[in-house]
């Protein structure tokens, strides 16, 4: 039986995603990120194509590693200006009926009592279509603007996150019983107080004694997304995530990460199918392979070397400004400086070569050329099918190079090929976001720790 490929489209409420310079492309609609009509049109397009969901990224600070400041990021429109993505959800929900709507919110700079209410509200408004992308945030600029002298240490952010989720689970799953809201007019009882309970949480990081402010939403707990690739991040995903986003490029790396997280999940009593895995791809579609290659060549003419280096500097935490090929070679080879992010992002470069900064920027264009798939609709469909078969992944996060040309090309040219092959859905099943993804009940499965509070 052919495995169905699940699809999420990735967007961010700012001029560019990870495609520095492409706001200058003649047909780019980068400027429309502040236009509500763009988001509503996009939601309708994705639902017509039967995408499983849209995934809205976010950032709470400026990318200020490169050249020791934020000017390059501001100049290039890199996550700046950036608007709050949560306000887009009700508008997109109003013009769709099935599309899943996942939004990024930070564990580190929010409070579980407030965030639980926000997610419940969105789940009510979308009739059970909300997902939460759980992040711990990794920008020093965000930490400073939230009143910290420096970021909370990496693993400590996840330790705090475990308790954050524990509080949310208690609020969503435990505070209100099913049937608490009775709307009994003769007895003048809107909600039965005996079925609403304090959670009495007193922990290391949070004290939340009272009740959840919302009645149970269709899913109670939103669909839980997570993308951490560090050892501690994968441990967190194994415990909490229902959907795991992967930034791996190769088949081998993707397969390893999937097996590792699934093995870790078994320690928490979870089943292999409890977590879905979504590697990232950026398709460039042409009627023929030659046409697609011409298109990527045009895109690369608009690539910003400075912008890509600013993005890569923020990802790695290393200011790459002024690096000579010799110094860059030593960094990639692990002979000087570096941190865990260097392993994740720079090890893909050939270590026996001295790269120029321009060559490095081109290698990491559009989030990494290893994720960019160029070709005819059939070739791209072939790649997607083969990658799923070889890795055991469950679907893809679709990135883009130019707004809105990239997604429109994919929807009109590749989706029909995938549907004819029976690889993606042609119709939606009924139910909540979780029911559509997992074909089980609207709430968390019993094996999930959130269902056991």
Protein backbone atom coordinates (compact mmCIF):
# COMPACT_ATOMS: atom_id res chain seq x y z
CA UNK A 1 0.00 0.00 0.00
CA UNK A 2 1.36 3.43 -0.97
CA UNK A 3 2.12 5.66 2.01
CA UNK A 4 0.28 8.97 1.92
CA UNK A 5 2.61 11.96 1.93
CA UNK A 6 1.47 14.73 4.25
CA UNK A 7 2.21 18.33 3.30
CA UNK A 8 2.72 21.51 5.29
CA UNK A 9 3.50 24.87 3.74
CA UNK A 10 5.95 27.01 5.71
CA UNK A 11 5.50 30.78 5.94
CA UNK A 12 6.51 33.67 8.18
CA UNK A 13 4.87 37.04 8.72
CA UNK A 14 7.83 39.04 7.38
CA UNK A 15 9.28 39.95 3.95
CA UNK A 16 11.43 36.83 3.46
CA UNK A 17 11.76 33.37 4.95
CA UNK A 18 15.31 32.05 4.39
CA UNK A 19 15.74 33.49 0.89
CA UNK A 20 17.77 36.71 1.37
CA UNK A 21 17.70 38.97 -1.66
CA UNK A 22 14.64 37.44 -3.28
CA UNK A 23 12.42 40.32 -2.28
CA UNK A 24 14.06 42.05 -5.28
CA UNK A 25 12.75 39.40 -7.71
CA UNK A 26 10.38 41.21 -10.12
CA UNK A 27 7.34 39.00 -9.40
CA UNK A 28 7.96 38.77 -5.64
CA UNK A 29 5.08 39.55 -3.31
CA UNK A 30 7.34 39.88 -0.27
CA UNK A 31 5.72 43.20 0.57
CA UNK A 32 2.31 41.56 1.05
CA UNK A 33 3.17 39.95 4.38
CA UNK A 34 1.30 42.75 6.16
CA UNK A 35 -1.74 42.39 3.90
CA UNK A 36 -4.47 40.19 5.38
CA UNK A 37 -5.80 39.38 1.92
CA UNK A 38 -2.50 37.62 1.10
CA UNK A 39 -2.93 35.20 3.99
CA UNK A 40 -6.57 34.51 3.21
CA UNK A 41 -5.76 33.87 -0.48
CA UNK A 42 -2.91 31.57 0.53
CA UNK A 43 -5.14 29.58 2.89
CA UNK A 44 -7.74 29.09 0.16
CA UNK A 45 -5.06 27.98 -2.33
CA UNK A 46 -3.60 25.45 0.11
CA UNK A 47 -7.01 24.03 0.98
CA UNK A 48 -7.91 23.69 -2.70
CA UNK A 49 -4.67 21.71 -3.13
CA UNK A 50 -5.57 19.58 -0.06
CA UNK A 51 -2.48 20.50 1.98
CA UNK A 52 -2.62 19.14 5.51
CA UNK A 53 -1.58 22.41 7.07
CA UNK A 54 0.21 25.72 7.01
CA UNK A 55 3.04 26.26 9.46
CA UNK A 56 3.72 29.83 10.63
CA UNK A 57 7.23 30.49 11.91
CA UNK A 58 8.20 33.40 14.13
CA UNK A 59 11.14 35.15 15.77
CA UNK A 60 11.12 37.40 18.83
CA UNK A 61 14.40 39.21 18.26
CA UNK A 62 16.67 40.57 15.57
CA UNK A 63 19.36 38.59 13.74
CA UNK A 64 22.31 40.60 15.02
CA UNK A 65 25.31 38.23 14.94
CA UNK A 66 26.76 39.27 11.58
CA UNK A 67 29.11 42.26 11.81
CA UNK A 68 28.18 42.41 15.48
CA UNK A 69 24.86 44.11 14.84
CA UNK A 70 21.41 44.01 13.30
CA UNK A 71 21.91 46.40 10.36
CA UNK A 72 22.44 43.74 7.69
CA UNK A 73 19.32 41.83 8.74
CA UNK A 74 17.25 45.02 8.71
CA UNK A 75 18.69 46.11 5.37
CA UNK A 76 17.94 42.73 3.80
CA UNK A 77 14.48 42.21 5.33
CA UNK A 78 15.58 39.11 7.25
CA UNK A 79 12.76 38.45 9.72
CA UNK A 80 12.40 42.21 9.95
CA UNK A 81 9.88 43.76 10.02
CA UNK A 82 8.10 40.77 11.54
CA UNK A 83 4.47 40.73 12.67
CA UNK A 84 2.74 38.46 15.18
CA UNK A 85 1.51 35.35 13.32
CA UNK A 86 -1.25 34.37 15.76
CA UNK A 87 -3.54 37.16 14.54
CA UNK A 88 -3.61 35.57 11.08
CA UNK A 89 -5.22 32.36 12.30
CA UNK A 90 -8.87 33.47 12.63
CA UNK A 91 -8.82 35.15 9.21
CA UNK A 92 -7.40 32.05 7.50
CA UNK A 93 -9.84 29.83 9.40
CA UNK A 94 -12.77 31.94 8.22
CA UNK A 95 -12.13 31.12 4.53
CA UNK A 96 -11.29 27.42 4.99
CA UNK A 97 -12.86 24.38 6.63
CA UNK A 98 -10.15 21.73 6.75
CA UNK A 99 -6.67 23.28 6.56
CA UNK A 100 -4.59 22.77 9.71
CA UNK A 101 -3.18 25.99 11.20
CA UNK A 102 0.05 25.64 13.19
CA UNK A 103 1.64 28.68 14.81
CA UNK A 104 4.97 29.22 16.58
CA UNK A 105 4.98 30.40 20.20
CA UNK A 106 7.95 30.44 22.57
CA UNK A 107 8.20 28.49 25.81
CA UNK A 108 10.88 30.83 27.10
CA UNK A 109 9.14 34.19 26.75
CA UNK A 110 5.54 33.25 27.47
CA UNK A 111 3.75 31.85 30.50
CA UNK A 112 1.81 28.57 30.44
CA UNK A 113 -1.29 30.09 32.06
CA UNK A 114 -1.60 32.72 29.31
CA UNK A 115 -0.47 30.53 26.43
CA UNK A 116 -2.91 27.76 27.34
CA UNK A 117 -5.78 30.24 27.05
CA UNK A 118 -4.48 31.55 23.71
CA UNK A 119 -4.30 28.06 22.22
CA UNK A 120 -7.70 27.03 23.55
CA UNK A 121 -9.23 30.19 22.11
CA UNK A 122 -7.69 29.53 18.70
CA UNK A 123 -8.80 25.90 18.81
CA UNK A 124 -12.37 27.01 19.49
CA UNK A 125 -12.30 29.62 16.71
CA UNK A 126 -10.90 27.14 14.18
CA UNK A 127 -13.20 24.30 15.29
CA UNK A 128 -10.27 22.10 16.26
CA UNK A 129 -7.67 22.98 13.63
CA UNK A 130 -4.91 24.59 15.71
CA UNK A 131 -1.37 23.34 16.13
CA UNK A 132 1.41 24.78 18.29
CA UNK A 133 5.02 24.81 17.14
CA UNK A 134 6.95 24.66 20.42
CA UNK A 135 10.22 26.61 20.42
CA UNK A 136 12.61 27.64 23.18
CA UNK A 137 14.00 30.63 21.18
CA UNK A 138 17.71 31.10 20.53
CA UNK A 139 18.35 34.79 19.84
CA UNK A 140 20.37 36.85 22.32
CA UNK A 141 18.51 39.96 21.17
CA UNK A 142 15.22 38.41 22.26
CA UNK A 143 16.63 37.51 25.68
CA UNK A 144 17.84 41.07 26.26
CA UNK A 145 14.51 42.59 25.29
CA UNK A 146 12.65 40.26 27.62
CA UNK A 147 14.82 41.45 30.50
CA UNK A 148 17.51 38.77 30.63
CA UNK A 149 21.21 39.61 30.75
CA UNK A 150 21.79 36.63 28.49
CA UNK A 151 19.92 33.62 27.17
CA UNK A 152 18.92 30.87 29.55
CA UNK A 153 21.37 28.02 28.98
CA UNK A 154 20.33 25.70 26.13
CA UNK A 155 19.45 22.53 28.08
CA UNK A 156 17.94 24.56 30.92
CA UNK A 157 15.48 26.08 28.45
CA UNK A 158 14.27 22.56 27.68
CA UNK A 159 14.13 21.64 31.38
CA UNK A 160 11.94 24.68 31.93
CA UNK A 161 9.98 23.68 28.83
CA UNK A 162 9.15 20.27 30.27
CA UNK A 163 7.47 21.93 33.23
CA UNK A 164 5.82 24.52 30.98
CA UNK A 165 4.16 21.66 29.07
CA UNK A 166 3.19 19.93 32.30
CA UNK A 167 1.29 23.04 33.38
CA UNK A 168 -0.40 23.34 29.99
CA UNK A 169 -1.42 19.69 30.04
CA UNK A 170 -3.01 20.13 33.45
CA UNK A 171 -4.93 23.19 32.27
CA UNK A 172 -6.08 21.64 29.00
CA UNK A 173 -6.69 18.05 30.09
CA UNK A 174 -7.46 18.14 33.81
CA UNK A 175 -9.02 21.42 34.88
CA UNK A 176 -12.40 21.06 33.16
CA UNK A 177 -14.30 17.80 32.95
CA UNK A 178 -16.27 16.84 29.87
CA UNK A 179 -19.79 18.17 30.23
CA UNK A 180 -18.84 20.93 32.66
CA UNK A 181 -20.69 23.48 30.53
CA UNK A 182 -24.36 22.56 30.81
CA UNK A 183 -26.24 25.79 29.87
CA UNK A 184 -29.13 24.76 32.10
CA UNK A 185 -31.59 27.65 31.88
CA UNK A 186 -34.25 26.35 34.35
CA UNK A 187 -31.61 25.91 37.06
CA UNK A 188 -29.64 29.02 36.01
CA UNK A 189 -26.44 27.02 35.69
CA UNK A 190 -24.20 27.83 32.74
CA UNK A 191 -21.25 25.75 34.02
CA UNK A 192 -21.32 23.14 36.77
CA UNK A 193 -18.74 24.31 39.35
CA UNK A 194 -18.27 20.76 40.62
CA UNK A 195 -16.72 19.84 37.27
CA UNK A 196 -14.12 22.63 37.19
CA UNK A 197 -10.96 22.01 39.21
CA UNK A 198 -7.85 23.82 40.40
CA UNK A 199 -4.68 22.31 38.96
CA UNK A 200 -2.65 23.19 42.10
CA UNK A 201 0.66 23.23 40.24
CA UNK A 202 3.70 24.18 42.31
CA UNK A 203 6.97 23.44 40.57
CA UNK A 204 10.53 24.65 40.06
CA UNK A 205 9.68 27.30 37.49
CA UNK A 206 5.92 27.88 37.74
CA UNK A 207 3.19 28.16 40.34
CA UNK A 208 -0.31 27.93 38.89
CA UNK A 209 -2.85 27.10 41.60
CA UNK A 210 -6.12 27.83 39.82
CA UNK A 211 -8.29 26.75 36.91
CA UNK A 212 -8.03 27.04 33.15
CA UNK A 213 -9.91 30.07 31.84
CA UNK A 214 -11.43 28.26 28.83
CA UNK A 215 -13.85 25.40 28.52
CA UNK A 216 -12.37 22.39 26.70
CA UNK A 217 -11.81 23.07 23.01
CA UNK A 218 -12.45 20.46 20.29
CA UNK A 219 -8.91 19.04 20.64
CA UNK A 220 -8.32 20.15 24.25
CA UNK A 221 -4.55 20.10 23.55
CA UNK A 222 -3.45 21.55 20.19
CA UNK A 223 -1.46 19.35 17.82
CA UNK A 224 2.11 19.63 19.13
CA UNK A 225 4.93 20.47 16.70
CA UNK A 226 8.64 20.72 17.49
CA UNK A 227 11.86 21.13 15.53
CA UNK A 228 14.81 20.85 17.91
CA UNK A 229 17.69 18.81 16.46
CA UNK A 230 20.15 18.88 19.37
CA UNK A 231 20.40 15.86 21.67
CA UNK A 232 18.28 17.64 24.31
CA UNK A 233 15.88 18.89 21.64
CA UNK A 234 15.36 15.37 20.33
CA UNK A 235 14.71 14.13 23.86
CA UNK A 236 12.09 16.86 24.25
CA UNK A 237 10.50 15.89 20.93
CA UNK A 238 10.42 12.23 21.93
CA UNK A 239 8.43 13.11 25.03
CA UNK A 240 6.08 15.79 23.72
CA UNK A 241 5.98 16.19 19.93
CA UNK A 242 3.33 14.78 17.66
CA UNK A 243 4.94 16.30 14.55
CA UNK A 244 8.70 16.75 14.27
CA UNK A 245 10.25 19.08 11.71
CA UNK A 246 13.67 18.07 10.38
CA UNK A 247 16.35 20.25 8.81
CA UNK A 248 18.39 17.29 7.62
CA UNK A 249 19.48 17.22 3.97
CA UNK A 250 20.62 13.68 3.23
CA UNK A 251 18.68 10.43 3.29
CA UNK A 252 21.10 9.01 5.86
CA UNK A 253 20.83 11.96 8.23
CA UNK A 254 17.04 12.05 7.98
CA UNK A 255 16.76 8.32 8.59
CA UNK A 256 19.07 8.55 11.62
CA UNK A 257 17.11 11.40 13.24
CA UNK A 258 13.78 9.63 12.75
CA UNK A 259 15.05 6.39 14.24
CA UNK A 260 16.72 8.20 17.13
CA UNK A 261 13.62 10.18 18.15
CA UNK A 262 11.36 7.15 17.80
CA UNK A 263 13.72 5.06 19.95
CA UNK A 264 13.75 7.77 22.60
CA UNK A 265 9.95 7.99 22.47
CA UNK A 266 9.69 4.34 23.48
CA UNK A 267 11.15 5.28 26.88
CA UNK A 268 8.01 7.35 27.47
CA UNK A 269 5.71 4.51 26.50
CA UNK A 270 4.83 6.04 23.16
CA UNK A 271 4.12 4.19 19.92
CA UNK A 272 6.16 4.55 16.72
CA UNK A 273 3.22 6.12 14.91
CA UNK A 274 2.66 8.72 17.61
CA UNK A 275 5.19 11.08 15.96
CA UNK A 276 5.10 12.23 12.34
CA UNK A 277 8.32 13.48 10.71
CA UNK A 278 8.53 16.29 8.17
CA UNK A 279 11.85 17.04 6.44
CA UNK A 280 12.09 20.31 4.55
CA UNK A 281 12.15 20.70 0.77
CA UNK A 282 12.15 23.76 -1.50
CA UNK A 283 10.79 22.81 -4.94
CA UNK A 284 11.62 24.78 -8.09
CA UNK A 285 9.20 23.64 -10.77
CA UNK A 286 9.35 23.99 -14.54
CA UNK A 287 7.44 22.34 -17.36
CA UNK A 288 10.74 20.61 -18.15
CA UNK A 289 13.97 20.06 -16.25
CA UNK A 290 15.63 22.66 -18.45
CA UNK A 291 12.97 25.25 -17.72
CA UNK A 292 13.27 24.60 -13.99
CA UNK A 293 17.06 25.02 -14.17
CA UNK A 294 16.63 28.33 -15.95
CA UNK A 295 14.29 29.42 -13.18
CA UNK A 296 16.71 28.58 -10.35
CA UNK A 297 19.47 30.37 -12.28
CA UNK A 298 17.27 33.49 -12.37
CA UNK A 299 16.58 33.19 -8.64
CA UNK A 300 20.29 32.89 -7.86
CA UNK A 301 20.93 36.18 -9.66
CA UNK A 302 18.92 37.86 -6.90
CA UNK A 303 20.61 36.01 -4.03
CA UNK A 304 22.18 38.30 -1.43
CA UNK A 305 25.59 37.06 -0.24
CA UNK A 306 25.56 39.46 2.71
CA UNK A 307 22.03 38.52 3.67
CA UNK A 308 22.74 34.78 3.51
CA UNK A 309 25.88 35.19 5.62
CA UNK A 310 23.88 37.21 8.16
CA UNK A 311 21.31 34.41 8.31
CA UNK A 312 24.00 31.73 8.60
CA UNK A 313 25.80 33.71 11.30
CA UNK A 314 22.64 33.80 13.40
CA UNK A 315 22.04 30.08 12.87
CA UNK A 316 25.57 29.18 13.93
CA UNK A 317 26.15 31.91 16.51
CA UNK A 318 29.42 32.82 14.74
CA UNK A 319 30.04 36.18 13.11
CA UNK A 320 31.28 35.14 9.67
CA UNK A 321 32.09 38.68 8.56
CA UNK A 322 35.57 39.06 7.08
CA UNK A 323 36.44 35.37 7.07
CA UNK A 324 39.17 34.50 4.60
CA UNK A 325 39.03 31.15 2.72
CA UNK A 326 41.83 29.88 5.00
CA UNK A 327 40.03 30.83 8.19
CA UNK A 328 36.75 29.45 6.86
CA UNK A 329 38.46 26.17 5.98
CA UNK A 330 39.78 25.86 9.54
CA UNK A 331 36.30 26.55 10.91
CA UNK A 332 34.59 23.97 8.71
CA UNK A 333 37.30 21.41 9.42
CA UNK A 334 36.82 21.95 13.15
CA UNK A 335 40.30 23.31 13.69
CA UNK A 336 39.25 26.62 15.19
CA UNK A 337 36.31 27.78 17.28
CA UNK A 338 32.86 26.55 16.44
CA UNK A 339 30.00 25.06 18.38
CA UNK A 340 27.25 22.51 17.91
CA UNK A 341 25.62 24.54 15.18
CA UNK A 342 28.77 24.31 13.07
CA UNK A 343 28.30 20.56 12.99
CA UNK A 344 24.68 20.98 11.97
CA UNK A 345 25.12 23.62 9.29
CA UNK A 346 28.69 23.67 7.96
CA UNK A 347 29.65 19.99 7.96
CA UNK A 348 27.74 19.60 4.71
CA UNK A 349 30.39 21.66 2.92
CA UNK A 350 33.31 19.78 1.38
CA UNK A 351 35.99 19.84 4.04
CA UNK A 352 38.86 19.34 1.58
CA UNK A 353 38.17 22.65 -0.16
CA UNK A 354 38.86 26.26 0.72
CA UNK A 355 35.52 28.00 0.28
CA UNK A 356 35.12 31.69 -0.47
CA UNK A 357 32.37 33.52 1.38
CA UNK A 358 30.46 33.90 -1.91
CA UNK A 359 30.60 30.14 -2.50
CA UNK A 360 29.46 29.45 1.06
CA UNK A 361 26.54 31.85 0.67
CA UNK A 362 25.52 30.12 -2.55
CA UNK A 363 25.76 26.71 -0.86
CA UNK A 364 23.35 27.90 1.84
CA UNK A 365 21.07 29.83 -0.49
CA UNK A 366 17.39 29.38 0.32
CA UNK A 367 18.16 27.54 3.56
CA UNK A 368 20.66 25.20 1.87
CA UNK A 369 20.75 24.04 -1.73
CA UNK A 370 20.62 20.46 -0.51
CA UNK A 371 16.93 21.05 0.26
CA UNK A 372 16.22 22.67 -3.12
CA UNK A 373 14.71 20.25 -5.65
CA UNK A 374 14.83 21.50 -9.25
CA UNK A 375 12.99 19.85 -12.10
CA UNK A 376 9.81 18.98 -13.92
CA UNK A 377 6.66 18.05 -11.97
CA UNK A 378 7.40 14.37 -12.53
CA UNK A 379 10.99 14.66 -11.36
CA UNK A 380 9.98 16.47 -8.18
CA UNK A 381 7.24 13.90 -7.49
CA UNK A 382 9.79 11.12 -8.05
CA UNK A 383 12.16 12.71 -5.53
CA UNK A 384 9.46 13.11 -2.91
CA UNK A 385 8.26 9.53 -3.26
CA UNK A 386 11.78 8.12 -3.14
CA UNK A 387 12.79 10.22 -0.13
CA UNK A 388 9.78 9.07 1.88
CA UNK A 389 10.45 5.42 0.99
CA UNK A 390 14.12 5.62 1.92
CA UNK A 391 13.81 7.56 5.18
CA UNK A 392 10.51 6.57 6.74
CA UNK A 393 9.44 10.21 6.93
CA UNK A 394 5.74 11.00 6.83
CA UNK A 395 5.62 14.12 4.71
CA UNK A 396 7.33 17.40 3.89
CA UNK A 397 7.53 20.98 5.04
CA UNK A 398 7.41 22.95 1.84
CA UNK A 399 9.57 26.07 1.77
CA UNK A 400 9.71 28.59 -1.04
CA UNK A 401 12.14 30.85 -2.89
CA UNK A 402 9.77 33.57 -4.01
CA UNK A 403 6.36 34.57 -2.72
CA UNK A 404 3.93 33.55 -4.20
CA UNK A 405 5.28 32.05 -7.41
CA UNK A 406 6.88 29.03 -5.74
CA UNK A 407 3.77 27.68 -4.01
CA UNK A 408 1.53 28.47 -6.99
CA UNK A 409 3.85 26.51 -9.32
CA UNK A 410 3.86 23.56 -6.93
CA UNK A 411 0.10 23.57 -6.44
CA UNK A 412 -0.76 23.77 -10.13
CA UNK A 413 1.97 21.51 -11.51
CA UNK A 414 3.19 19.02 -8.89
CA UNK A 415 0.08 18.39 -6.78
CA UNK A 416 -1.89 16.89 -9.72
CA UNK A 417 0.98 14.45 -10.41
CA UNK A 418 1.15 13.41 -6.75
CA UNK A 419 -2.63 12.99 -6.60
CA UNK A 420 -2.73 10.84 -9.76
CA UNK A 421 -0.12 8.59 -8.18
CA UNK A 422 -2.16 8.36 -4.98
CA UNK A 423 0.69 9.89 -2.95
CA UNK A 424 -1.19 12.84 -1.45
CA UNK A 425 -4.81 13.24 -0.46
CA UNK A 426 -7.43 14.32 -2.98
CA UNK A 427 -10.08 14.84 -0.32
CA UNK A 428 -10.00 15.67 3.38
CA UNK A 429 -11.29 13.32 6.05
CA UNK A 430 -13.70 14.93 8.51
CA UNK A 431 -12.64 15.86 12.00
CA UNK A 432 -10.10 17.93 13.85
CA UNK A 433 -6.52 18.57 12.79
CA UNK A 434 -5.36 15.66 14.95
CA UNK A 435 -8.02 13.34 13.55
CA UNK A 436 -7.01 14.22 10.00
CA UNK A 437 -3.31 13.61 10.67
CA UNK A 438 -3.54 10.47 12.79
CA UNK A 439 -6.97 8.99 12.07
CA UNK A 440 -7.71 8.61 15.76
CA UNK A 441 -9.66 10.57 18.36
CA UNK A 442 -9.64 14.36 18.56
CA UNK A 443 -7.66 14.35 21.78
CA UNK A 444 -4.19 13.16 22.69
CA UNK A 445 -3.63 9.39 22.52
CA UNK A 446 -3.43 7.64 25.88
CA UNK A 447 0.28 6.96 25.36
CA UNK A 448 1.08 10.68 25.33
CA UNK A 449 2.26 12.11 28.68
CA UNK A 450 -0.18 14.96 28.32
CA UNK A 451 -3.08 12.52 28.46
CA UNK A 452 -1.75 11.05 31.71
CA UNK A 453 -1.84 14.13 33.95
